[in-house]
Amino acid sequence: MMREMLHWDRKYRAKFRFEFITSTETWLSQEILDEVKVRYENTFVVELDIAAREEFKLIEHGLERLWERKIINFLVVELV
């Protein structure tokens, strides 16, 4: 499976000139492989839009986690 993943990674990068981005919550290799195969058929404009939305989801999730940690740290300091 890893060989096939590398193959599709190279094809995707060659076609779109950026790395494959997904915000899937399940990091199952087969699901990611299936998704890259489907999205490979997109035009550049369509895929750029999808990749931008996926990147935004990842950034949003990271900021939510950061905000949660900041709130917890604030509450701990206030209670001490």
N, C-alpha and C. Protein backbone atom coordinates (compact mmCIF):
# COMPACT_ATOMS: atom_id res chain seq x y z
N MET A 1 0.82 -1.20 0.00
CA MET A 1 0.00 0.00 0.00
C MET A 1 0.86 1.26 0.00
N MET A 2 1.98 1.23 0.73
CA MET A 2 2.83 2.43 0.79
C MET A 2 3.38 2.78 -0.59
N ARG A 3 3.68 1.78 -1.36
CA ARG A 3 4.19 2.03 -2.71
C ARG A 3 3.13 2.74 -3.56
N GLU A 4 1.89 2.30 -3.41
CA GLU A 4 0.79 2.93 -4.17
C GLU A 4 0.55 4.35 -3.68
N MET A 5 0.66 4.56 -2.37
CA MET A 5 0.49 5.92 -1.82
C MET A 5 1.57 6.85 -2.38
N LEU A 6 2.81 6.38 -2.42
CA LEU A 6 3.89 7.20 -2.98
C LEU A 6 3.67 7.48 -4.46
N HIS A 7 3.18 6.49 -5.18
CA HIS A 7 2.89 6.66 -6.59
C HIS A 7 1.86 7.78 -6.80
N TRP A 8 0.76 7.73 -6.05
CA TRP A 8 -0.30 8.73 -6.19
C TRP A 8 0.14 10.09 -5.68
N ASP A 9 0.99 10.10 -4.66
CA ASP A 9 1.53 11.37 -4.16
C ASP A 9 2.34 12.05 -5.27
N ARG A 10 3.16 11.29 -5.93
CA ARG A 10 3.97 11.86 -7.02
C ARG A 10 3.10 12.34 -8.18
N LYS A 11 2.11 11.53 -8.55
CA LYS A 11 1.21 11.92 -9.65
C LYS A 11 0.47 13.21 -9.30
N TYR A 12 -0.05 13.27 -8.07
CA TYR A 12 -0.81 14.44 -7.62
C TYR A 12 0.07 15.68 -7.66
N ARG A 13 1.28 15.58 -7.08
CA ARG A 13 2.20 16.72 -7.05
C ARG A 13 2.59 17.17 -8.46
N ALA A 14 2.79 16.21 -9.34
CA ALA A 14 3.17 16.56 -10.71
C ALA A 14 2.04 17.28 -11.42
N LYS A 15 0.81 16.87 -11.17
CA LYS A 15 -0.32 17.48 -11.85
C LYS A 15 -0.67 18.85 -11.27
N PHE A 16 -0.75 18.95 -9.93
CA PHE A 16 -1.26 20.17 -9.30
C PHE A 16 -0.16 21.09 -8.77
N ARG A 17 1.06 20.60 -8.61
CA ARG A 17 2.19 21.39 -8.11
C ARG A 17 2.05 21.80 -6.65
N PHE A 18 1.25 21.09 -5.89
CA PHE A 18 1.21 21.25 -4.44
C PHE A 18 0.85 19.90 -3.84
N GLU A 19 1.12 19.74 -2.54
CA GLU A 19 0.89 18.45 -1.93
C GLU A 19 -0.58 18.22 -1.63
N PHE A 20 -0.95 16.96 -1.57
CA PHE A 20 -2.33 16.58 -1.28
C PHE A 20 -2.67 16.95 0.15
N ILE A 21 -3.80 17.61 0.34
CA ILE A 21 -4.25 18.06 1.65
C ILE A 21 -5.63 17.49 1.91
N THR A 22 -5.77 16.86 3.06
CA THR A 22 -7.08 16.37 3.45
C THR A 22 -7.26 16.62 4.94
N SER A 23 -8.47 16.90 5.33
CA SER A 23 -8.76 17.13 6.74
C SER A 23 -9.56 15.98 7.33
N THR A 24 -9.44 14.81 6.71
CA THR A 24 -10.19 13.66 7.19
C THR A 24 -9.87 13.39 8.65
N GLU A 25 -10.87 12.99 9.38
CA GLU A 25 -10.67 12.70 10.80
C GLU A 25 -10.17 11.29 11.02
N THR A 26 -10.34 10.44 10.01
CA THR A 26 -9.83 9.08 10.11
C THR A 26 -8.59 8.99 9.25
N TRP A 27 -7.49 8.68 9.85
CA TRP A 27 -6.24 8.62 9.12
C TRP A 27 -5.98 7.20 8.63
N LEU A 28 -7.00 6.61 8.00
CA LEU A 28 -6.87 5.29 7.43
C LEU A 28 -6.27 5.43 6.03
N SER A 29 -5.20 4.72 5.80
CA SER A 29 -4.47 4.84 4.54
C SER A 29 -5.36 4.58 3.33
N GLN A 30 -6.23 3.58 3.41
CA GLN A 30 -7.05 3.25 2.25
C GLN A 30 -8.03 4.38 1.92
N GLU A 31 -8.60 5.00 2.93
CA GLU A 31 -9.53 6.11 2.70
C GLU A 31 -8.80 7.31 2.07
N ILE A 32 -7.61 7.59 2.54
CA ILE A 32 -6.83 8.70 1.98
C ILE A 32 -6.45 8.39 0.54
N LEU A 33 -6.03 7.16 0.29
CA LEU A 33 -5.68 6.74 -1.07
C LEU A 33 -6.88 6.85 -2.00
N ASP A 34 -8.04 6.42 -1.54
CA ASP A 34 -9.25 6.53 -2.36
C ASP A 34 -9.58 7.98 -2.66
N GLU A 35 -9.40 8.84 -1.66
CA GLU A 35 -9.71 10.26 -1.85
C GLU A 35 -8.76 10.92 -2.85
N VAL A 36 -7.48 10.61 -2.76
CA VAL A 36 -6.52 11.22 -3.69
C VAL A 36 -6.78 10.74 -5.12
N LYS A 37 -7.18 9.50 -5.28
CA LYS A 37 -7.50 8.99 -6.62
C LYS A 37 -8.70 9.72 -7.22
N VAL A 38 -9.71 9.97 -6.42
CA VAL A 38 -10.90 10.68 -6.91
C VAL A 38 -10.57 12.13 -7.21
N ARG A 39 -9.87 12.77 -6.31
CA ARG A 39 -9.56 14.19 -6.49
C ARG A 39 -8.54 14.43 -7.59
N TYR A 40 -7.75 13.45 -7.94
CA TYR A 40 -6.78 13.58 -9.02
C TYR A 40 -7.47 13.91 -10.34
N GLU A 41 -8.71 13.48 -10.48
CA GLU A 41 -9.46 13.72 -11.72
C GLU A 41 -9.98 15.15 -11.84
N ASN A 42 -9.88 15.93 -10.77
CA ASN A 42 -10.36 17.32 -10.79
C ASN A 42 -9.49 18.20 -11.69
N THR A 43 -10.08 19.30 -12.12
CA THR A 43 -9.29 20.31 -12.80
C THR A 43 -8.46 21.05 -11.75
N PHE A 44 -7.49 21.83 -12.21
CA PHE A 44 -6.64 22.57 -11.28
C PHE A 44 -7.45 23.52 -10.40
N VAL A 45 -8.37 24.24 -11.02
CA VAL A 45 -9.16 25.24 -10.28
C VAL A 45 -10.03 24.57 -9.22
N VAL A 46 -10.67 23.48 -9.59
CA VAL A 46 -11.53 22.76 -8.64
C VAL A 46 -10.68 22.22 -7.49
N GLU A 47 -9.55 21.62 -7.82
CA GLU A 47 -8.71 21.04 -6.77
C GLU A 47 -8.09 22.11 -5.88
N LEU A 48 -7.72 23.23 -6.45
CA LEU A 48 -7.18 24.32 -5.64
C LEU A 48 -8.22 24.80 -4.64
N ASP A 49 -9.47 24.90 -5.07
CA ASP A 49 -10.55 25.29 -4.17
C ASP A 49 -10.73 24.27 -3.05
N ILE A 50 -10.75 23.00 -3.39
CA ILE A 50 -10.91 21.95 -2.38
C ILE A 50 -9.73 21.97 -1.41
N ALA A 51 -8.51 22.05 -1.94
CA ALA A 51 -7.32 22.06 -1.09
C ALA A 51 -7.32 23.27 -0.15
N ALA A 52 -7.76 24.42 -0.65
CA ALA A 52 -7.82 25.62 0.19
C ALA A 52 -8.82 25.43 1.33
N ARG A 53 -9.97 24.84 1.02
CA ARG A 53 -10.96 24.59 2.07
C ARG A 53 -10.45 23.57 3.08
N GLU A 54 -9.75 22.54 2.61
CA GLU A 54 -9.19 21.53 3.51
C GLU A 54 -8.12 22.16 4.41
N GLU A 55 -7.27 23.00 3.83
CA GLU A 55 -6.24 23.69 4.61
C GLU A 55 -6.89 24.60 5.67
N PHE A 56 -7.95 25.29 5.29
CA PHE A 56 -8.65 26.15 6.24
C PHE A 56 -9.19 25.33 7.41
N LYS A 57 -9.76 24.16 7.12
CA LYS A 57 -10.27 23.29 8.19
C LYS A 57 -9.17 22.89 9.15
N LEU A 58 -8.00 22.55 8.60
CA LEU A 58 -6.87 22.17 9.46
C LEU A 58 -6.40 23.33 10.32
N ILE A 59 -6.32 24.52 9.73
CA ILE A 59 -5.92 25.71 10.49
C ILE A 59 -6.95 26.01 11.57
N GLU A 60 -8.22 25.95 11.21
CA GLU A 60 -9.29 26.22 12.16
C GLU A 60 -9.23 25.24 13.33
N HIS A 61 -9.02 23.98 13.04
CA HIS A 61 -8.93 22.96 14.09
C HIS A 61 -7.74 23.24 15.01
N GLY A 62 -6.60 23.61 14.42
CA GLY A 62 -5.42 23.93 15.21
C GLY A 62 -5.64 25.13 16.11
N LEU A 63 -6.32 26.14 15.59
CA LEU A 63 -6.62 27.32 16.41
C LEU A 63 -7.59 27.00 17.53
N GLU A 64 -8.56 26.14 17.27
CA GLU A 64 -9.49 25.72 18.33
C GLU A 64 -8.75 25.02 19.45
N ARG A 65 -7.83 24.13 19.09
CA ARG A 65 -7.04 23.41 20.11
C ARG A 65 -6.17 24.38 20.90
N LEU A 66 -5.56 25.34 20.20
CA LEU A 66 -4.74 26.35 20.87
C LEU A 66 -5.59 27.17 21.83
N TRP A 67 -6.75 27.59 21.40
CA TRP A 67 -7.65 28.39 22.23
C TRP A 67 -8.08 27.61 23.47
N GLU A 68 -8.40 26.32 23.29
CA GLU A 68 -8.79 25.48 24.43
C GLU A 68 -7.66 25.39 25.45
N ARG A 69 -6.43 25.22 24.97
CA ARG A 69 -5.28 25.15 25.90
C ARG A 69 -5.09 26.48 26.63
N LYS A 70 -5.27 27.58 25.91
CA LYS A 70 -5.13 28.90 26.54
C LYS A 70 -6.18 29.09 27.64
N ILE A 71 -7.41 28.67 27.35
CA ILE A 71 -8.49 28.79 28.34
C ILE A 71 -8.18 27.96 29.57
N ILE A 72 -7.73 26.73 29.35
CA ILE A 72 -7.39 25.85 30.48
C ILE A 72 -6.27 26.45 31.31
N ASN A 73 -5.22 26.95 30.64
CA ASN A 73 -4.11 27.59 31.37
C ASN A 73 -4.59 28.81 32.15
N PHE A 74 -5.46 29.61 31.56
CA PHE A 74 -6.01 30.78 32.23
C PHE A 74 -6.79 30.37 33.47
N LEU A 75 -7.63 29.34 33.34
CA LEU A 75 -8.43 28.89 34.47
C LEU A 75 -7.56 28.34 35.59
N VAL A 76 -6.51 27.63 35.24
CA VAL A 76 -5.58 27.08 36.25
C VAL A 76 -4.91 28.22 37.00
N VAL A 77 -4.46 29.24 36.30
CA VAL A 77 -3.81 30.38 36.93
C VAL A 77 -4.79 31.13 37.83
N GLU A 78 -6.03 31.28 37.37
CA GLU A 78 -7.04 31.99 38.16
C GLU A 78 -7.39 31.22 39.44
N LEU A 79 -7.36 29.91 39.38
CA LEU A 79 -7.72 29.10 40.55
C LEU A 79 -6.59 29.01 41.57
N VAL A 80 -5.38 29.27 41.15
CA VAL A 80 -4.24 29.14 42.05
C VAL A 80 -4.03 30.37 42.84
